[in-house]
N, C-alpha and C. Protein backbone atom coordinates (compact mmCIF):
# COMPACT_ATOMS: atom_id res chain seq x y z
N MET A 1 0.85 -1.18 -0.02
CA MET A 1 0.02 -0.02 -0.02
C MET A 1 0.90 1.17 -0.03
N PRO A 2 0.64 2.19 -0.91
CA PRO A 2 1.47 3.43 -0.87
C PRO A 2 1.17 4.25 0.38
N LEU A 3 2.17 4.99 0.68
CA LEU A 3 2.13 5.82 1.95
C LEU A 3 1.06 6.92 1.81
N LEU A 4 0.92 7.44 0.63
CA LEU A 4 -0.12 8.49 0.46
C LEU A 4 -1.29 7.95 -0.35
N PRO A 5 -2.51 8.47 0.02
CA PRO A 5 -3.68 8.06 -0.75
C PRO A 5 -3.63 8.45 -2.22
N ALA A 6 -4.27 7.74 -3.04
CA ALA A 6 -4.32 8.14 -4.43
C ALA A 6 -5.31 9.37 -4.51
N LYS A 7 -4.85 10.37 -5.13
CA LYS A 7 -5.72 11.57 -5.32
C LYS A 7 -6.39 11.51 -6.67
N ASN A 8 -7.03 10.37 -6.96
CA ASN A 8 -7.70 10.17 -8.29
C ASN A 8 -9.04 10.94 -8.23
N SER A 9 -9.57 11.28 -7.11
CA SER A 9 -10.80 12.03 -7.03
C SER A 9 -10.80 12.83 -5.80
N THR A 10 -10.27 13.98 -5.81
CA THR A 10 -10.24 14.93 -4.63
C THR A 10 -11.63 15.35 -4.34
N GLN A 11 -12.50 15.22 -5.34
CA GLN A 11 -13.91 15.69 -5.17
C GLN A 11 -14.54 14.93 -4.01
N GLU A 12 -14.24 13.65 -3.77
CA GLU A 12 -14.80 12.91 -2.70
C GLU A 12 -14.39 13.45 -1.36
N PHE A 13 -13.21 14.14 -1.25
CA PHE A 13 -12.73 14.77 -0.05
C PHE A 13 -13.17 16.09 0.21
N ASP A 14 -13.52 16.80 -0.91
CA ASP A 14 -13.85 18.23 -0.81
C ASP A 14 -15.34 18.48 -0.82
N GLN A 15 -16.16 17.47 -0.95
CA GLN A 15 -17.64 17.63 -0.92
C GLN A 15 -18.00 18.24 0.38
N SER A 16 -19.26 18.84 0.30
CA SER A 16 -19.77 19.48 1.46
C SER A 16 -20.07 18.34 2.55
N ALA A 17 -19.57 18.61 3.72
CA ALA A 17 -19.85 17.60 4.79
C ALA A 17 -21.35 17.41 5.14
N GLN A 18 -22.06 18.57 5.11
CA GLN A 18 -23.50 18.47 5.42
C GLN A 18 -24.23 17.61 4.51
N ALA A 19 -24.02 17.75 3.17
CA ALA A 19 -24.66 16.94 2.18
C ALA A 19 -24.32 15.45 2.25
N VAL A 20 -23.02 15.17 2.42
CA VAL A 20 -22.60 13.74 2.45
C VAL A 20 -23.07 13.11 3.77
N LEU A 21 -22.93 13.85 4.85
CA LEU A 21 -23.23 13.22 6.12
C LEU A 21 -24.70 13.09 6.33
N ALA A 22 -25.51 14.01 5.79
CA ALA A 22 -27.00 13.86 5.82
C ALA A 22 -27.42 12.63 5.12
N ASP A 23 -26.86 12.36 3.90
CA ASP A 23 -27.08 11.20 3.15
C ASP A 23 -26.60 9.94 3.90
N LEU A 24 -25.45 10.04 4.53
CA LEU A 24 -24.92 8.95 5.29
C LEU A 24 -25.76 8.62 6.46
N LYS A 25 -26.32 9.61 7.15
CA LYS A 25 -27.11 9.38 8.30
C LYS A 25 -28.39 8.70 7.99
N LYS A 26 -29.00 9.03 6.78
CA LYS A 26 -30.17 8.32 6.32
C LYS A 26 -29.99 6.95 5.93
N GLY A 27 -28.83 6.65 5.32
CA GLY A 27 -28.54 5.33 4.84
C GLY A 27 -28.22 4.37 5.93
N GLY A 28 -28.11 3.10 5.65
CA GLY A 28 -27.84 2.10 6.54
C GLY A 28 -26.34 1.75 6.55
N SER A 29 -26.09 0.61 6.93
CA SER A 29 -24.71 0.11 7.00
C SER A 29 -24.00 0.08 5.68
N GLU A 30 -24.77 -0.08 4.58
CA GLU A 30 -24.23 -0.08 3.27
C GLU A 30 -23.59 1.27 2.90
N LYS A 31 -24.28 2.37 3.29
CA LYS A 31 -23.83 3.65 3.04
C LYS A 31 -22.56 3.93 3.93
N ARG A 32 -22.51 3.49 5.20
CA ARG A 32 -21.42 3.66 6.03
C ARG A 32 -20.20 2.88 5.45
N ASN A 33 -20.45 1.64 4.98
CA ASN A 33 -19.29 0.90 4.44
C ASN A 33 -18.72 1.59 3.28
N GLU A 34 -19.59 2.15 2.37
CA GLU A 34 -19.12 2.87 1.25
C GLU A 34 -18.26 4.07 1.71
N PHE A 35 -18.78 4.80 2.66
CA PHE A 35 -18.03 5.95 3.16
C PHE A 35 -16.69 5.58 3.71
N VAL A 36 -16.57 4.47 4.50
CA VAL A 36 -15.33 4.00 4.97
C VAL A 36 -14.38 3.57 3.89
N TRP A 37 -14.95 2.94 2.81
CA TRP A 37 -14.12 2.48 1.69
C TRP A 37 -13.49 3.66 0.98
N ILE A 38 -14.25 4.77 0.77
CA ILE A 38 -13.75 5.98 0.12
C ILE A 38 -12.69 6.66 0.98
N GLN A 39 -12.86 6.74 2.27
CA GLN A 39 -12.03 7.56 3.16
C GLN A 39 -10.96 6.79 3.83
N GLN A 40 -10.93 5.49 3.85
CA GLN A 40 -10.01 4.73 4.65
C GLN A 40 -8.55 4.93 4.30
N GLU A 41 -8.18 5.09 3.04
CA GLU A 41 -6.76 5.28 2.68
C GLU A 41 -6.16 6.48 3.32
N ARG A 42 -6.94 7.60 3.20
CA ARG A 42 -6.44 8.93 3.70
C ARG A 42 -6.33 8.85 5.27
N VAL A 43 -7.36 8.33 5.89
CA VAL A 43 -7.34 8.21 7.37
C VAL A 43 -6.16 7.30 7.83
N PHE A 44 -6.00 6.16 7.12
CA PHE A 44 -4.82 5.31 7.53
C PHE A 44 -3.53 5.98 7.25
N ALA A 45 -3.38 6.80 6.20
CA ALA A 45 -2.12 7.48 5.89
C ALA A 45 -1.73 8.43 7.10
N VAL A 46 -2.78 9.17 7.57
CA VAL A 46 -2.48 9.97 8.68
C VAL A 46 -2.09 9.18 9.86
N ALA A 47 -2.80 8.11 10.21
CA ALA A 47 -2.52 7.23 11.30
C ALA A 47 -1.12 6.58 11.22
N LEU A 48 -0.78 6.14 10.01
CA LEU A 48 0.53 5.52 9.79
C LEU A 48 1.65 6.58 10.06
N LEU A 49 1.47 7.72 9.53
CA LEU A 49 2.49 8.82 9.74
C LEU A 49 2.59 9.14 11.20
N GLY A 50 1.49 9.14 11.92
CA GLY A 50 1.54 9.45 13.37
C GLY A 50 2.04 8.36 14.27
N THR A 51 1.79 7.10 13.91
CA THR A 51 2.11 5.89 14.79
C THR A 51 3.43 5.22 14.31
N GLY A 52 3.73 5.23 13.07
CA GLY A 52 4.86 4.58 12.53
C GLY A 52 4.73 3.02 12.49
N SER A 53 3.53 2.54 12.83
CA SER A 53 3.31 1.03 12.80
C SER A 53 1.96 0.78 12.08
N GLN A 54 1.93 -0.24 11.30
CA GLN A 54 0.69 -0.56 10.54
C GLN A 54 -0.31 -1.07 11.48
N GLU A 55 0.01 -1.83 12.52
CA GLU A 55 -0.90 -2.40 13.42
C GLU A 55 -1.62 -1.31 14.27
N SER A 56 -0.75 -0.39 14.78
CA SER A 56 -1.23 0.77 15.48
C SER A 56 -2.13 1.68 14.63
N ALA A 57 -1.65 1.92 13.34
CA ALA A 57 -2.39 2.72 12.51
C ALA A 57 -3.76 2.15 12.15
N ALA A 58 -3.85 0.85 12.02
CA ALA A 58 -5.16 0.19 11.78
C ALA A 58 -6.10 0.45 12.99
N GLN A 59 -5.56 0.37 14.24
CA GLN A 59 -6.41 0.58 15.40
C GLN A 59 -6.83 2.06 15.49
N VAL A 60 -5.93 2.95 15.16
CA VAL A 60 -6.28 4.43 15.21
C VAL A 60 -7.42 4.59 14.12
N THR A 61 -7.27 4.06 12.97
CA THR A 61 -8.21 4.20 11.86
C THR A 61 -9.58 3.72 12.34
N ILE A 62 -9.61 2.55 12.89
CA ILE A 62 -10.89 1.97 13.42
C ILE A 62 -11.49 2.93 14.48
N SER A 63 -10.68 3.42 15.37
CA SER A 63 -11.13 4.33 16.41
C SER A 63 -11.62 5.62 15.82
N ALA A 64 -10.99 6.13 14.86
CA ALA A 64 -11.38 7.33 14.16
C ALA A 64 -12.73 7.24 13.55
N PHE A 65 -13.02 6.15 12.82
CA PHE A 65 -14.34 5.95 12.26
C PHE A 65 -15.37 5.73 13.27
N ASN A 66 -15.05 4.95 14.36
CA ASN A 66 -16.05 4.71 15.38
C ASN A 66 -16.44 6.06 16.01
N ASN A 67 -15.43 6.96 16.30
CA ASN A 67 -15.78 8.22 16.88
C ASN A 67 -16.50 9.13 15.94
N ALA A 68 -16.24 9.03 14.70
CA ALA A 68 -16.94 9.90 13.68
C ALA A 68 -18.42 9.47 13.58
N PHE A 69 -18.63 8.17 13.49
CA PHE A 69 -20.02 7.61 13.43
C PHE A 69 -20.80 7.92 14.68
N ALA A 70 -20.18 7.82 15.84
CA ALA A 70 -20.84 8.20 17.07
C ALA A 70 -21.20 9.63 17.08
N ALA A 71 -20.28 10.51 16.63
CA ALA A 71 -20.70 11.91 16.52
C ALA A 71 -21.83 12.19 15.54
N LEU A 72 -21.81 11.54 14.46
CA LEU A 72 -22.77 11.61 13.41
C LEU A 72 -24.19 11.23 13.95
N ASN A 73 -24.22 10.34 14.83
CA ASN A 73 -25.51 9.88 15.39
C ASN A 73 -26.18 11.07 16.27
N HIS A 74 -25.32 12.05 16.76
CA HIS A 74 -25.76 13.04 17.55
C HIS A 74 -26.18 14.35 16.80
N SER A 75 -25.34 14.75 15.82
CA SER A 75 -25.65 15.90 15.07
C SER A 75 -24.82 16.01 13.79
N LEU A 76 -25.20 16.85 12.83
CA LEU A 76 -24.54 17.12 11.60
C LEU A 76 -23.73 18.38 11.79
N PRO A 77 -22.53 18.64 11.07
CA PRO A 77 -21.81 19.86 11.23
C PRO A 77 -22.65 21.06 10.86
N LYS A 78 -22.52 22.14 11.51
CA LYS A 78 -23.25 23.37 11.33
C LYS A 78 -22.69 24.18 10.21
N ASN A 79 -21.45 24.13 9.91
CA ASN A 79 -20.77 24.87 8.90
C ASN A 79 -21.07 24.36 7.55
N PRO A 80 -21.79 25.10 6.59
CA PRO A 80 -22.12 24.50 5.36
C PRO A 80 -20.93 24.42 4.43
N GLU A 81 -19.81 25.21 4.67
CA GLU A 81 -18.69 25.20 3.89
C GLU A 81 -17.62 24.11 4.22
N MET A 82 -17.87 23.39 5.32
CA MET A 82 -16.86 22.42 5.82
C MET A 82 -16.93 21.16 4.83
N SER A 83 -15.74 20.69 4.46
CA SER A 83 -15.64 19.60 3.59
C SER A 83 -15.70 18.32 4.42
N VAL A 84 -15.99 17.26 3.69
CA VAL A 84 -16.00 15.87 4.40
C VAL A 84 -14.69 15.68 5.01
N TRP A 85 -13.55 15.97 4.35
CA TRP A 85 -12.25 15.67 4.90
C TRP A 85 -12.02 16.54 6.23
N ASP A 86 -12.45 17.81 6.19
CA ASP A 86 -12.26 18.67 7.38
C ASP A 86 -13.00 18.04 8.53
N TRP A 87 -14.22 17.59 8.26
CA TRP A 87 -15.03 16.97 9.31
C TRP A 87 -14.30 15.67 9.85
N LEU A 88 -13.95 14.83 8.92
CA LEU A 88 -13.40 13.48 9.28
C LEU A 88 -12.01 13.61 9.95
N SER A 89 -11.25 14.58 9.45
CA SER A 89 -9.89 14.74 10.08
C SER A 89 -9.84 15.08 11.48
N GLN A 90 -10.93 15.77 12.06
CA GLN A 90 -11.11 16.06 13.39
C GLN A 90 -10.98 14.67 14.28
N TYR A 91 -11.64 13.65 13.73
CA TYR A 91 -11.76 12.43 14.45
C TYR A 91 -10.51 11.64 14.31
N VAL A 92 -9.81 11.79 13.20
CA VAL A 92 -8.49 11.09 13.07
C VAL A 92 -7.52 11.74 13.99
N VAL A 93 -7.49 13.04 14.01
CA VAL A 93 -6.60 13.73 15.05
C VAL A 93 -6.95 13.37 16.46
N GLU A 94 -8.15 13.34 16.77
CA GLU A 94 -8.60 12.97 18.13
C GLU A 94 -8.22 11.56 18.42
N ALA A 95 -8.30 10.62 17.53
CA ALA A 95 -7.84 9.27 17.73
C ALA A 95 -6.34 9.20 17.94
N MET A 96 -5.62 10.00 17.19
CA MET A 96 -4.20 10.06 17.34
C MET A 96 -3.79 10.61 18.70
N GLY A 97 -4.53 11.66 19.18
CA GLY A 97 -4.30 12.19 20.46
C GLY A 97 -4.49 11.12 21.60
N GLU A 98 -5.54 10.34 21.38
CA GLU A 98 -5.76 9.27 22.39
C GLU A 98 -4.70 8.23 22.32
N PHE A 99 -4.19 7.92 21.16
CA PHE A 99 -3.12 7.01 21.04
C PHE A 99 -1.88 7.44 21.69
N HIS A 100 -1.45 8.69 21.41
CA HIS A 100 -0.30 9.26 22.07
C HIS A 100 -0.45 9.37 23.60
N ASN A 101 -1.61 9.69 24.07
CA ASN A 101 -1.89 9.82 25.53
C ASN A 101 -1.59 8.43 26.17
N GLU A 102 -1.96 7.44 25.43
CA GLU A 102 -1.86 5.99 26.02
C GLU A 102 -0.50 5.47 25.87
N PHE A 103 0.12 5.66 24.71
CA PHE A 103 1.37 4.96 24.38
C PHE A 103 2.63 5.79 24.28
N SER A 104 2.49 7.11 24.31
CA SER A 104 3.63 7.97 24.14
C SER A 104 3.74 8.94 25.30
N GLY A 105 4.94 9.42 25.53
CA GLY A 105 5.11 10.41 26.66
C GLY A 105 4.69 11.86 26.08
N ALA A 106 4.91 12.80 26.92
CA ALA A 106 4.60 14.18 26.51
C ALA A 106 5.62 14.63 25.54
N PRO A 107 5.26 15.52 24.66
CA PRO A 107 6.13 16.03 23.64
C PRO A 107 7.36 16.68 24.34
N ASP A 108 8.55 16.49 23.68
CA ASP A 108 9.72 17.03 24.30
C ASP A 108 9.76 18.58 24.09
N ASP A 109 10.64 19.21 24.85
CA ASP A 109 10.72 20.71 24.80
C ASP A 109 12.00 21.15 23.97
N GLU A 110 12.28 20.35 22.98
CA GLU A 110 13.46 20.70 22.11
C GLU A 110 13.28 21.99 21.49
N ASP A 111 14.33 22.82 21.40
CA ASP A 111 14.36 24.12 20.79
C ASP A 111 14.03 23.98 19.32
N ALA A 112 13.13 24.76 18.83
CA ALA A 112 12.70 24.51 17.43
C ALA A 112 12.43 25.89 16.74
N ASP A 113 13.24 26.82 16.95
CA ASP A 113 13.00 28.12 16.40
C ASP A 113 13.48 28.16 14.91
N PRO A 114 12.58 28.26 13.97
CA PRO A 114 12.99 28.23 12.52
C PRO A 114 13.87 29.48 12.13
N ALA A 115 13.78 30.56 12.90
CA ALA A 115 14.65 31.72 12.67
C ALA A 115 16.11 31.39 12.78
N GLN A 116 16.41 30.37 13.58
CA GLN A 116 17.81 30.03 13.70
C GLN A 116 18.58 29.66 12.52
N ASP A 117 17.86 28.96 11.64
CA ASP A 117 18.57 28.49 10.41
C ASP A 117 18.01 29.21 9.17
N GLY A 118 17.24 30.28 9.35
CA GLY A 118 16.78 31.07 8.16
C GLY A 118 15.58 30.48 7.49
N SER A 119 15.10 29.36 7.85
CA SER A 119 14.10 28.65 7.12
C SER A 119 12.72 29.38 7.19
N ALA A 120 12.55 30.23 8.17
CA ALA A 120 11.31 30.95 8.20
C ALA A 120 11.10 32.00 7.10
N ASN A 121 12.06 32.18 6.34
CA ASN A 121 12.02 33.22 5.24
C ASN A 121 11.85 32.47 3.83
N MET A 122 11.59 31.23 3.81
CA MET A 122 11.51 30.52 2.53
C MET A 122 10.15 30.78 1.84
N ASP A 123 10.20 30.80 0.52
CA ASP A 123 8.98 31.06 -0.22
C ASP A 123 8.70 29.67 -0.91
N TRP A 124 7.82 28.87 -0.24
CA TRP A 124 7.48 27.47 -0.70
C TRP A 124 6.83 27.45 -2.00
N GLU A 125 5.85 28.40 -2.28
CA GLU A 125 4.99 28.35 -3.45
C GLU A 125 5.82 28.32 -4.70
N THR A 126 6.95 28.98 -4.78
CA THR A 126 7.70 29.03 -6.02
C THR A 126 8.29 27.69 -6.34
N THR A 127 8.47 26.84 -5.37
CA THR A 127 9.07 25.49 -5.65
C THR A 127 8.06 24.59 -6.46
N VAL A 128 6.81 24.90 -6.31
CA VAL A 128 5.75 24.02 -6.98
C VAL A 128 5.90 24.15 -8.49
N LEU A 129 6.44 25.28 -8.93
CA LEU A 129 6.55 25.49 -10.34
C LEU A 129 7.70 24.63 -10.96
N LEU A 130 8.47 24.03 -10.23
CA LEU A 130 9.59 23.32 -10.74
C LEU A 130 9.33 21.84 -11.05
N GLY A 131 8.15 21.37 -10.91
CA GLY A 131 7.79 20.08 -11.37
C GLY A 131 7.52 19.10 -10.25
N VAL A 132 6.43 18.32 -10.44
CA VAL A 132 5.99 17.42 -9.51
C VAL A 132 6.90 16.28 -9.24
N GLN A 133 7.45 15.70 -10.28
CA GLN A 133 8.44 14.56 -10.12
C GLN A 133 9.68 14.94 -9.31
N ARG A 134 10.18 16.02 -9.70
CA ARG A 134 11.37 16.59 -8.91
C ARG A 134 11.08 16.89 -7.49
N VAL A 135 9.89 17.43 -7.21
CA VAL A 135 9.51 17.70 -5.87
C VAL A 135 9.32 16.39 -5.07
N LYS A 136 8.66 15.45 -5.69
CA LYS A 136 8.51 14.13 -5.00
C LYS A 136 9.87 13.49 -4.66
N ARG A 137 10.79 13.51 -5.59
CA ARG A 137 12.11 12.96 -5.36
C ARG A 137 12.82 13.69 -4.19
N CYS A 138 12.65 14.95 -4.10
CA CYS A 138 13.26 15.71 -3.07
C CYS A 138 12.60 15.46 -1.71
N ILE A 139 11.21 15.32 -1.75
CA ILE A 139 10.48 14.92 -0.50
C ILE A 139 11.02 13.64 0.00
N ASN A 140 11.21 12.69 -0.82
CA ASN A 140 11.67 11.36 -0.42
C ASN A 140 13.02 11.33 0.16
N GLN A 141 13.83 12.39 -0.09
CA GLN A 141 15.14 12.48 0.45
C GLN A 141 15.21 13.19 1.86
N LEU A 142 14.12 13.65 2.30
CA LEU A 142 14.01 14.32 3.64
C LEU A 142 14.26 13.42 4.77
N PRO A 143 14.79 13.88 5.87
CA PRO A 143 14.83 13.06 7.11
C PRO A 143 13.40 12.71 7.54
N GLN A 144 13.17 11.58 8.15
CA GLN A 144 11.90 11.04 8.35
C GLN A 144 10.98 11.95 9.19
N ASP A 145 11.51 12.69 10.17
CA ASP A 145 10.64 13.56 10.97
C ASP A 145 10.19 14.78 10.10
N GLN A 146 11.07 15.26 9.21
CA GLN A 146 10.65 16.32 8.33
C GLN A 146 9.69 15.89 7.26
N LYS A 147 9.90 14.70 6.74
CA LYS A 147 9.03 14.12 5.70
C LYS A 147 7.59 13.93 6.33
N ARG A 148 7.52 13.38 7.51
CA ARG A 148 6.26 13.16 8.07
C ARG A 148 5.39 14.41 8.24
N VAL A 149 5.99 15.39 8.76
CA VAL A 149 5.38 16.77 8.94
C VAL A 149 4.94 17.29 7.57
N PHE A 150 5.91 17.28 6.66
CA PHE A 150 5.67 17.82 5.24
C PHE A 150 4.46 17.09 4.63
N LEU A 151 4.41 15.84 4.75
CA LEU A 151 3.26 15.09 4.08
C LEU A 151 1.93 15.31 4.71
N LEU A 152 1.98 15.42 6.12
CA LEU A 152 0.74 15.73 6.77
C LEU A 152 0.23 17.04 6.45
N ARG A 153 1.06 18.04 6.20
CA ARG A 153 0.63 19.37 5.85
C ARG A 153 0.25 19.56 4.42
N HIS A 154 1.14 19.09 3.48
CA HIS A 154 0.92 19.37 2.04
C HIS A 154 0.17 18.31 1.32
N SER A 155 0.19 17.05 1.72
CA SER A 155 -0.48 16.02 1.04
C SER A 155 -1.90 15.66 1.75
N LEU A 156 -1.90 15.86 3.05
CA LEU A 156 -3.05 15.46 3.86
C LEU A 156 -3.93 16.64 4.38
N ASP A 157 -3.37 17.81 4.12
CA ASP A 157 -4.13 19.09 4.45
C ASP A 157 -4.46 19.24 5.93
N LEU A 158 -3.56 18.77 6.81
CA LEU A 158 -3.83 18.99 8.24
C LEU A 158 -3.24 20.39 8.61
N ASN A 159 -3.79 21.09 9.61
CA ASN A 159 -3.27 22.36 10.04
C ASN A 159 -2.09 21.99 11.12
N TYR A 160 -1.50 23.08 11.49
CA TYR A 160 -0.35 22.92 12.47
C TYR A 160 -0.78 22.26 13.81
N ASP A 161 -1.91 22.67 14.28
CA ASP A 161 -2.42 22.09 15.57
C ASP A 161 -2.68 20.58 15.42
N GLN A 162 -3.24 20.23 14.28
CA GLN A 162 -3.52 18.82 14.01
C GLN A 162 -2.31 18.05 13.91
N ILE A 163 -1.33 18.59 13.10
CA ILE A 163 -0.08 17.90 12.96
C ILE A 163 0.61 17.81 14.31
N SER A 164 0.50 18.65 15.12
CA SER A 164 1.11 18.52 16.45
C SER A 164 0.56 17.39 17.23
N ILE A 165 -0.73 17.23 17.18
CA ILE A 165 -1.38 16.10 17.85
C ILE A 165 -1.03 14.73 17.22
N VAL A 166 -1.02 14.69 15.92
CA VAL A 166 -0.72 13.43 15.16
C VAL A 166 0.71 12.97 15.50
N THR A 167 1.64 13.97 15.47
CA THR A 167 3.06 13.59 15.65
C THR A 167 3.54 13.57 17.12
N ASN A 168 2.62 14.07 18.03
CA ASN A 168 2.92 14.17 19.46
C ASN A 168 4.17 15.07 19.67
N GLN A 169 4.12 16.25 19.09
CA GLN A 169 5.13 17.22 19.15
C GLN A 169 4.56 18.62 19.41
N LYS A 170 5.23 19.50 19.94
CA LYS A 170 4.76 20.85 20.12
C LYS A 170 4.53 21.48 18.79
N VAL A 171 3.55 22.42 18.68
CA VAL A 171 3.27 23.10 17.43
C VAL A 171 4.46 23.81 16.89
N GLU A 172 5.27 24.47 17.78
CA GLU A 172 6.42 25.21 17.32
C GLU A 172 7.43 24.28 16.68
N LYS A 173 7.58 23.10 17.22
CA LYS A 173 8.54 22.17 16.66
C LYS A 173 7.95 21.69 15.23
N CYS A 174 6.76 21.45 15.15
CA CYS A 174 6.14 21.04 13.85
C CYS A 174 6.31 22.11 12.83
N ILE A 175 6.19 23.41 13.23
CA ILE A 175 6.36 24.42 12.26
C ILE A 175 7.87 24.52 11.82
N ALA A 176 8.76 24.42 12.84
CA ALA A 176 10.13 24.44 12.44
C ALA A 176 10.56 23.23 11.63
N LEU A 177 10.02 22.08 11.83
CA LEU A 177 10.30 20.87 10.96
C LEU A 177 9.83 21.11 9.58
N LEU A 178 8.62 21.64 9.48
CA LEU A 178 8.01 22.00 8.18
C LEU A 178 8.89 23.00 7.42
N TYR A 179 9.28 24.05 8.08
CA TYR A 179 10.15 25.01 7.40
C TYR A 179 11.44 24.42 6.98
N ARG A 180 12.05 23.59 7.86
CA ARG A 180 13.27 22.93 7.47
C ARG A 180 13.11 21.95 6.29
N ALA A 181 12.02 21.28 6.33
CA ALA A 181 11.71 20.41 5.18
C ALA A 181 11.59 21.17 3.91
N ARG A 182 10.89 22.32 3.95
CA ARG A 182 10.78 23.13 2.84
C ARG A 182 12.17 23.68 2.29
N VAL A 183 13.03 24.04 3.24
CA VAL A 183 14.34 24.50 2.90
C VAL A 183 15.13 23.34 2.21
N GLN A 184 15.07 22.20 2.63
CA GLN A 184 15.74 21.00 2.07
C GLN A 184 15.19 20.69 0.64
N VAL A 185 13.84 20.88 0.51
CA VAL A 185 13.34 20.54 -0.79
C VAL A 185 13.73 21.67 -1.80
N VAL A 186 13.80 22.93 -1.32
CA VAL A 186 14.20 24.05 -2.14
C VAL A 186 15.69 23.80 -2.62
N LYS A 187 16.51 23.46 -1.61
CA LYS A 187 17.95 23.19 -1.97
C LYS A 187 18.06 22.00 -2.91
N CYS A 188 17.31 20.97 -2.69
CA CYS A 188 17.32 19.76 -3.66
C CYS A 188 16.83 20.11 -5.01
N LEU A 189 15.78 20.96 -5.07
CA LEU A 189 15.30 21.35 -6.37
C LEU A 189 16.37 22.35 -7.11
N GLY A 190 17.03 23.13 -6.31
CA GLY A 190 18.03 23.95 -6.94
C GLY A 190 19.16 23.14 -7.56
N ARG A 191 19.54 21.94 -7.10
CA ARG A 191 20.52 21.12 -7.64
C ARG A 191 20.01 20.36 -8.84
N GLY A 192 18.67 20.27 -8.92
CA GLY A 192 18.15 19.55 -10.20
C GLY A 192 18.06 18.18 -9.92
C-alpha cells in the first residue's frame, strides 16, 4: 500500500460535509461501508505517519471511524462550507491524540526556532513551479521527521495544531520541521 492516498478524485474529500453526512445518516450500514471504503486510505495514511506502525495505524483508523460515526448519530456539522475531509480529520486527529496519551510520553521541549537557520524566510510556493516529479524525489530524500510533517501538511491538508497532535510534538517544533523540510526541498530542487 502506498504511503499517500491516491488523489484520483479529490472531489470525494472536498464535498460538503453537510450533504454527504446527511445522506450517510439516512442510509444504513451499506452507506457507512461505502463511506469507509472511500475515506480509509487517507485516514490510514495520517494514522501511519503518526504511529509509525501498521498495526497501531489500523487501530487508530478504526477508532477514528467509530468516533466519527458516534458523533454523526448526535448531530450534523453546522458549517455549510466544511468539507468531508475537514469533518473526518477532526476524528482522526482525536484518535491520534488518544493513541499518544496512552502509548507515548509528553512532547519534548526541544528548541525549534525556525529563525535560527533562516528557514522561516523561505517561499514555498515558487518550488511548486519546478515540477511534481522533482518535488517528489526531493521529498523522499528528507529526514523522516521532516518528511512526516511535510506530508501531513501538504498532502493530507492538516493544520499545524492537528499535525502537532498526530506527531505528538509541540506546534512550534512542527512548524520548524516543516520550514526545514521546505528548505531542504528548495535546496534539492536547486541542484536539479
